[in-house]
């Protein structure tokens, strides 16, 4: 739960809501905009309601930004909104905590990695090691109501996460952007493809994975690009 004061950012007010310093600086202009005040008022009210549950836990809303520093980001994987089932969302797109059953899209991600690498598919859905290695696991909306996908779409999160993508594209280079599905692919206009690698495909959801996500080769292509530009590969 959080609230907003024009004199301070939300991370100043609630220290338990963490955001890495580089991201905090990169997004600082957003915190003073009217949409951000409306957004924080709305989300605070949602977390305060006794009749609904909102995910992820409030302290993890910015986990993607806190886990993967702005200056260390090497890969961006863009999701839609957090998992909306109890115990699933942990603030990192597509990730679940250890011991939580793999959601179908994550299971398909692991299948594609296995097909590309020859390793057995992972059974642990905690992607924090990816995040700590430079993979920004960012949803376009950072909160959601229980059992209500897209329930917090259109309230302002997209403006903030678009600003994050724009800041990366303007200030950094040689980043791999993986955009899966039509919603994510629409973000391509925010990315300077002259100095980054843009990879697109259908979404890993069971409804679309067989239309081109399987066999897209994105994880190998990403590592090949990183190595070619002097970066260490990701241990997928």
Protein backbone atom coordinates (compact mmCIF):
# COMPACT_ATOMS: atom_id res chain seq x y z
CA UNK A 1 0.00 0.00 0.00
CA UNK A 2 1.29 3.46 -0.77
CA UNK A 3 0.33 7.09 -1.23
CA UNK A 4 1.88 10.03 -3.00
CA UNK A 5 3.18 13.45 -2.05
CA UNK A 6 4.63 15.73 -4.71
CA UNK A 7 7.64 16.41 -2.46
CA UNK A 8 8.66 12.75 -2.27
CA UNK A 9 8.59 9.61 -4.34
CA UNK A 10 6.70 6.59 -3.10
CA UNK A 11 9.96 4.85 -2.27
CA UNK A 12 10.86 7.73 0.03
CA UNK A 13 7.51 7.39 1.81
CA UNK A 14 7.49 3.61 2.04
CA UNK A 15 11.08 2.34 2.22
CA UNK A 16 9.88 -1.28 2.06
CA UNK A 17 8.79 -0.59 -1.53
CA UNK A 18 12.17 -0.87 -3.17
CA UNK A 19 13.41 0.55 -6.45
CA UNK A 20 17.05 0.44 -7.49
CA UNK A 21 18.65 3.88 -7.54
CA UNK A 22 19.36 3.89 -11.27
CA UNK A 23 15.74 3.18 -12.10
CA UNK A 24 14.56 5.68 -9.54
CA UNK A 25 16.62 8.36 -11.27
CA UNK A 26 15.59 7.27 -14.77
CA UNK A 27 11.90 7.42 -13.85
CA UNK A 28 12.05 10.44 -11.54
CA UNK A 29 10.26 12.75 -14.01
CA UNK A 30 7.30 10.36 -14.07
CA UNK A 31 6.70 10.65 -10.32
CA UNK A 32 5.67 14.28 -10.62
CA UNK A 33 3.16 13.83 -13.43
CA UNK A 34 -0.61 13.98 -12.82
CA UNK A 35 -1.19 10.45 -14.14
CA UNK A 36 1.18 9.07 -11.51
CA UNK A 37 -0.70 10.69 -8.66
CA UNK A 38 -3.98 9.28 -10.02
CA UNK A 39 -2.32 5.89 -10.37
CA UNK A 40 -0.97 5.79 -6.84
CA UNK A 41 -4.28 6.96 -5.38
CA UNK A 42 -6.11 4.21 -7.28
CA UNK A 43 -3.68 1.47 -6.30
CA UNK A 44 -3.65 2.51 -2.67
CA UNK A 45 -7.44 2.33 -2.63
CA UNK A 46 -7.38 -1.10 -4.27
CA UNK A 47 -4.95 -2.55 -1.72
CA UNK A 48 -7.06 -1.07 1.09
CA UNK A 49 -10.34 -2.63 0.00
CA UNK A 50 -11.53 -5.51 2.20
CA UNK A 51 -13.56 -7.09 -0.60
CA UNK A 52 -10.76 -7.61 -3.15
CA UNK A 53 -7.22 -8.97 -3.18
CA UNK A 54 -4.52 -7.36 -5.27
CA UNK A 55 -1.28 -8.94 -6.45
CA UNK A 56 1.67 -8.90 -6.07
CA UNK A 57 2.23 -8.06 -2.40
CA UNK A 58 2.61 -4.27 -2.20
CA UNK A 59 6.27 -4.50 -1.21
CA UNK A 60 6.99 -6.31 -4.51
CA UNK A 61 5.24 -3.95 -6.93
CA UNK A 62 8.59 -2.69 -8.21
CA UNK A 63 10.53 -5.94 -7.80
CA UNK A 64 11.50 -5.98 -11.49
CA UNK A 65 13.12 -2.54 -11.19
CA UNK A 66 14.77 -3.38 -7.89
CA UNK A 67 16.16 -6.76 -8.99
CA UNK A 68 17.70 -5.64 -12.28
CA UNK A 69 19.62 -2.34 -12.06
CA UNK A 70 19.16 0.13 -14.90
CA UNK A 71 22.86 0.11 -15.80
CA UNK A 72 23.07 -3.70 -15.66
CA UNK A 73 20.04 -4.54 -17.82
CA UNK A 74 21.05 -6.77 -20.74
CA UNK A 75 17.73 -8.38 -21.75
CA UNK A 76 14.13 -7.20 -21.45
CA UNK A 77 11.28 -9.72 -21.39
CA UNK A 78 7.93 -7.96 -21.43
CA UNK A 79 4.82 -9.47 -19.88
CA UNK A 80 1.25 -8.21 -19.66
CA UNK A 81 0.19 -8.07 -16.02
CA UNK A 82 1.00 -10.07 -12.87
CA UNK A 83 -0.37 -13.54 -12.30
CA UNK A 84 -3.80 -13.19 -10.72
CA UNK A 85 -3.96 -16.43 -8.71
CA UNK A 86 -3.16 -16.58 -4.98
CA UNK A 87 0.53 -17.01 -4.22
CA UNK A 88 1.70 -16.67 -7.81
CA UNK A 89 2.78 -13.08 -8.52
CA UNK A 90 6.15 -12.03 -7.12
CA UNK A 91 6.75 -8.83 -9.07
CA UNK A 92 8.81 -10.42 -11.87
CA UNK A 93 7.05 -11.09 -15.17
CA UNK A 94 6.39 -14.80 -15.81
CA UNK A 95 8.09 -15.77 -12.52
CA UNK A 96 6.58 -17.61 -9.54
CA UNK A 97 8.15 -18.46 -6.21
CA UNK A 98 9.64 -21.85 -5.49
CA UNK A 99 7.04 -24.48 -4.70
CA UNK A 100 4.35 -22.83 -6.82
CA UNK A 101 3.05 -24.86 -9.76
CA UNK A 102 4.30 -23.61 -13.11
CA UNK A 103 1.71 -21.51 -14.97
CA UNK A 104 1.15 -22.70 -18.56
CA UNK A 105 3.03 -19.82 -20.22
CA UNK A 106 6.09 -20.36 -18.03
CA UNK A 107 5.98 -24.08 -18.74
CA UNK A 108 6.07 -23.27 -22.46
CA UNK A 109 8.98 -20.85 -21.95
CA UNK A 110 10.93 -23.63 -20.26
CA UNK A 111 10.02 -26.04 -23.08
CA UNK A 112 11.43 -23.63 -25.67
CA UNK A 113 14.62 -23.17 -23.63
CA UNK A 114 14.96 -26.95 -23.36
CA UNK A 115 14.49 -27.35 -27.11
CA UNK A 116 17.17 -24.71 -27.78
CA UNK A 117 19.72 -25.86 -25.21
CA UNK A 118 19.10 -29.60 -24.96
CA UNK A 119 18.78 -29.34 -21.18
CA UNK A 120 15.79 -30.86 -19.35
CA UNK A 121 12.96 -28.36 -18.83
CA UNK A 122 13.14 -26.50 -15.55
CA UNK A 123 10.64 -27.33 -12.85
CA UNK A 124 11.40 -24.35 -10.58
CA UNK A 125 9.58 -21.21 -11.68
CA UNK A 126 11.62 -18.71 -9.65
CA UNK A 127 13.28 -16.46 -12.24
CA UNK A 128 15.11 -14.25 -9.75
CA UNK A 129 18.46 -15.60 -10.98
CA UNK A 130 17.63 -14.27 -14.44
CA UNK A 131 16.70 -10.90 -12.96
CA UNK A 132 19.93 -10.76 -10.98
CA UNK A 133 21.87 -11.59 -14.16
CA UNK A 134 20.48 -8.63 -16.10
CA UNK A 135 17.11 -9.80 -17.40
CA UNK A 136 14.44 -7.18 -16.74
CA UNK A 137 11.22 -9.15 -16.25
CA UNK A 138 8.76 -6.32 -16.69
CA UNK A 139 4.98 -6.43 -16.92
CA UNK A 140 3.23 -3.55 -18.68
CA UNK A 141 0.87 -3.32 -15.68
CA UNK A 142 2.42 -3.87 -12.26
CA UNK A 143 -0.69 -4.80 -10.24
CA UNK A 144 -3.85 -6.85 -10.79
CA UNK A 145 -6.95 -7.96 -8.92
CA UNK A 146 -7.30 -11.59 -7.93
CA UNK A 147 -8.76 -13.72 -10.73
CA UNK A 148 -9.24 -10.61 -12.90
CA UNK A 149 -6.67 -10.41 -15.70
CA UNK A 150 -6.14 -6.91 -17.11
CA UNK A 151 -8.19 -5.44 -14.25
CA UNK A 152 -5.53 -2.76 -13.67
CA UNK A 153 -4.84 -2.11 -17.35
CA UNK A 154 -5.41 1.43 -18.50
CA UNK A 155 -5.01 3.08 -15.08
CA UNK A 156 -1.53 4.50 -15.69
CA UNK A 157 0.94 1.67 -15.28
CA UNK A 158 1.49 1.56 -19.04
CA UNK A 159 2.69 5.16 -18.99
CA UNK A 160 5.29 4.30 -16.36
CA UNK A 161 6.48 1.09 -18.00
CA UNK A 162 6.59 2.77 -21.42
CA UNK A 163 8.79 5.44 -19.84
CA UNK A 164 11.07 2.68 -18.53
CA UNK A 165 11.45 1.15 -22.00
CA UNK A 166 12.01 4.57 -23.52
CA UNK A 167 14.69 5.43 -20.95
CA UNK A 168 16.54 2.19 -21.63
CA UNK A 169 16.40 2.73 -25.37
CA UNK A 170 17.61 6.34 -25.12
CA UNK A 171 20.38 5.84 -22.56
CA UNK A 172 21.60 2.30 -23.15
CA UNK A 173 22.53 0.14 -26.13
CA UNK A 174 23.10 -3.50 -27.09
CA UNK A 175 20.10 -4.70 -25.09
CA UNK A 176 17.98 -7.63 -26.27
CA UNK A 177 14.23 -6.97 -26.22
CA UNK A 178 11.96 -10.02 -26.33
CA UNK A 179 8.41 -8.99 -27.20
CA UNK A 180 5.94 -11.86 -27.22
CA UNK A 181 2.37 -11.40 -28.35
CA UNK A 182 0.55 -8.48 -29.92
CA UNK A 183 0.37 -6.35 -26.75
CA UNK A 184 4.12 -6.54 -26.23
CA UNK A 185 4.98 -6.15 -29.91
CA UNK A 186 3.13 -2.82 -29.98
CA UNK A 187 5.91 -1.50 -27.72
CA UNK A 188 8.47 -1.88 -30.50
CA UNK A 189 8.04 1.80 -31.39
CA UNK A 190 9.70 2.68 -28.07
CA UNK A 191 12.89 0.83 -28.96
CA UNK A 192 15.76 2.07 -31.11
CA UNK A 193 16.44 -0.99 -33.24
CA UNK A 194 19.58 0.59 -34.70
CA UNK A 195 21.48 -0.07 -31.47
CA UNK A 196 19.58 -2.97 -29.87
CA UNK A 197 18.28 -6.40 -30.82
CA UNK A 198 14.50 -6.70 -31.11
CA UNK A 199 13.00 -10.21 -31.09
CA UNK A 200 9.27 -10.75 -31.59
CA UNK A 201 7.03 -13.80 -31.69
CA UNK A 202 3.61 -15.03 -30.61
CA UNK A 203 3.01 -15.23 -26.87
CA UNK A 204 4.00 -18.41 -24.95
CA UNK A 205 0.41 -18.90 -23.81
CA UNK A 206 -1.03 -22.30 -24.74
CA UNK A 207 -3.46 -20.41 -26.98
CA UNK A 208 -0.67 -19.11 -29.20
CA UNK A 209 2.63 -20.88 -28.47
CA UNK A 210 2.19 -23.29 -31.39
CA UNK A 211 1.76 -20.36 -33.80
CA UNK A 212 5.42 -19.41 -33.59
CA UNK A 213 6.65 -19.09 -30.04
CA UNK A 214 7.93 -22.66 -30.13
CA UNK A 215 10.96 -22.66 -32.38
CA UNK A 216 11.56 -18.90 -32.22
CA UNK A 217 15.14 -19.44 -31.01
CA UNK A 218 15.03 -16.29 -28.91
CA UNK A 219 17.12 -17.52 -26.01
CA UNK A 220 20.01 -18.63 -28.19
CA UNK A 221 19.75 -15.51 -30.35
CA UNK A 222 19.87 -13.36 -27.22
CA UNK A 223 23.00 -15.04 -25.88
CA UNK A 224 24.72 -14.94 -29.26
CA UNK A 225 24.05 -11.21 -29.46
CA UNK A 226 25.26 -10.55 -25.92
CA UNK A 227 28.49 -12.46 -26.46
CA UNK A 228 29.08 -10.67 -29.77
CA UNK A 229 28.83 -7.37 -27.92
CA UNK A 230 31.14 -8.31 -25.08
CA UNK A 231 28.53 -9.32 -22.51
CA UNK A 232 28.29 -12.59 -20.62
CA UNK A 233 25.44 -14.88 -21.73
CA UNK A 234 22.40 -15.58 -19.58
CA UNK A 235 22.17 -18.99 -17.91
CA UNK A 236 18.69 -19.79 -19.10
